[in-house]
Amino acid sequence: MQSIKAIRCTFCNKLLAKVGMVGYLEIKCPRCKTVNTTR
């Protein structure tokens, strides 16, 4: 079974995505325009 991880903006804490398995993800927050990256 795969665990799902919530990706939140580091600035405003808005939920950006829920992912299962990701190597690298870069997503721009629609609320505060901060670019968030995760590995």
N, C-alpha and C. Protein backbone atom coordinates (compact mmCIF):
# COMPACT_ATOMS: atom_id res chain seq x y z
N MET A 1 0.84 -1.18 0.00
CA MET A 1 0.00 0.00 0.00
C MET A 1 0.88 1.24 0.00
N GLN A 2 0.48 2.21 -0.76
CA GLN A 2 1.27 3.42 -0.94
C GLN A 2 0.74 4.53 -0.05
N SER A 3 1.65 5.23 0.63
CA SER A 3 1.21 6.34 1.47
C SER A 3 1.09 7.61 0.63
N ILE A 4 0.09 8.42 0.94
CA ILE A 4 -0.14 9.67 0.21
C ILE A 4 0.35 10.82 1.07
N LYS A 5 1.16 11.68 0.46
CA LYS A 5 1.76 12.80 1.16
C LYS A 5 1.11 14.10 0.69
N ALA A 6 0.76 14.96 1.62
CA ALA A 6 0.18 16.27 1.29
C ALA A 6 1.31 17.27 1.08
N ILE A 7 1.28 17.98 -0.03
CA ILE A 7 2.27 19.02 -0.32
C ILE A 7 1.62 20.36 -0.03
N ARG A 8 2.21 21.12 0.89
CA ARG A 8 1.68 22.42 1.27
C ARG A 8 2.67 23.53 0.97
N CYS A 9 2.15 24.72 0.73
CA CYS A 9 2.99 25.89 0.48
C CYS A 9 3.78 26.21 1.74
N THR A 10 5.06 26.48 1.59
CA THR A 10 5.91 26.78 2.74
C THR A 10 5.66 28.18 3.29
N PHE A 11 5.01 29.03 2.52
CA PHE A 11 4.76 30.41 2.96
C PHE A 11 3.37 30.57 3.58
N CYS A 12 2.32 30.12 2.88
CA CYS A 12 0.95 30.35 3.37
C CYS A 12 0.24 29.07 3.83
N ASN A 13 0.89 27.92 3.71
CA ASN A 13 0.38 26.62 4.17
C ASN A 13 -0.84 26.11 3.40
N LYS A 14 -1.10 26.63 2.22
CA LYS A 14 -2.22 26.16 1.39
C LYS A 14 -1.89 24.77 0.85
N LEU A 15 -2.87 23.88 0.85
CA LEU A 15 -2.70 22.56 0.28
C LEU A 15 -2.57 22.68 -1.24
N LEU A 16 -1.44 22.22 -1.77
CA LEU A 16 -1.17 22.34 -3.21
C LEU A 16 -1.42 21.03 -3.95
N ALA A 17 -1.09 19.91 -3.32
CA ALA A 17 -1.25 18.62 -4.00
C ALA A 17 -1.20 17.49 -2.98
N LYS A 18 -1.72 16.34 -3.39
CA LYS A 18 -1.57 15.10 -2.65
C LYS A 18 -0.91 14.12 -3.61
N VAL A 19 0.25 13.63 -3.23
CA VAL A 19 1.01 12.76 -4.14
C VAL A 19 1.35 11.44 -3.46
N GLY A 20 1.51 10.42 -4.29
CA GLY A 20 1.90 9.11 -3.78
C GLY A 20 3.41 8.94 -3.85
N MET A 21 3.94 8.98 -5.06
CA MET A 21 5.37 8.77 -5.27
C MET A 21 5.86 9.83 -6.23
N VAL A 22 6.84 10.60 -5.81
CA VAL A 22 7.37 11.66 -6.66
C VAL A 22 8.87 11.78 -6.42
N GLY A 23 9.62 11.96 -7.49
CA GLY A 23 11.06 12.16 -7.36
C GLY A 23 11.39 13.62 -7.12
N TYR A 24 10.79 14.49 -7.93
CA TYR A 24 11.02 15.93 -7.82
C TYR A 24 9.76 16.64 -8.28
N LEU A 25 9.30 17.60 -7.51
CA LEU A 25 8.09 18.34 -7.85
C LEU A 25 8.31 19.81 -7.59
N GLU A 26 7.96 20.63 -8.57
CA GLU A 26 8.03 22.08 -8.42
C GLU A 26 6.66 22.63 -8.77
N ILE A 27 6.05 23.34 -7.84
CA ILE A 27 4.69 23.84 -8.04
C ILE A 27 4.57 25.26 -7.49
N LYS A 28 3.86 26.11 -8.24
CA LYS A 28 3.69 27.50 -7.85
C LYS A 28 2.34 27.65 -7.14
N CYS A 29 2.36 28.27 -5.98
CA CYS A 29 1.15 28.47 -5.19
C CYS A 29 0.27 29.53 -5.87
N PRO A 30 -1.00 29.19 -6.13
CA PRO A 30 -1.89 30.17 -6.76
C PRO A 30 -2.29 31.32 -5.84
N ARG A 31 -2.16 31.11 -4.53
CA ARG A 31 -2.55 32.14 -3.58
C ARG A 31 -1.47 33.20 -3.39
N CYS A 32 -0.24 32.78 -3.08
CA CYS A 32 0.82 33.74 -2.75
C CYS A 32 1.94 33.80 -3.78
N LYS A 33 1.87 32.96 -4.83
CA LYS A 33 2.82 32.95 -5.95
C LYS A 33 4.23 32.45 -5.58
N THR A 34 4.38 31.80 -4.45
CA THR A 34 5.66 31.23 -4.05
C THR A 34 5.89 29.93 -4.81
N VAL A 35 7.10 29.72 -5.30
CA VAL A 35 7.45 28.47 -5.97
C VAL A 35 7.96 27.49 -4.92
N ASN A 36 7.30 26.35 -4.82
CA ASN A 36 7.62 25.32 -3.84
C ASN A 36 8.23 24.12 -4.54
N THR A 37 9.27 23.56 -3.96
CA THR A 37 9.90 22.37 -4.52
C THR A 37 9.96 21.28 -3.45
N THR A 38 9.86 20.05 -3.90
CA THR A 38 9.98 18.91 -3.00
C THR A 38 10.72 17.79 -3.71
N ARG A 39 11.38 16.94 -2.95
CA ARG A 39 12.12 15.79 -3.48
C ARG A 39 11.61 14.53 -2.84
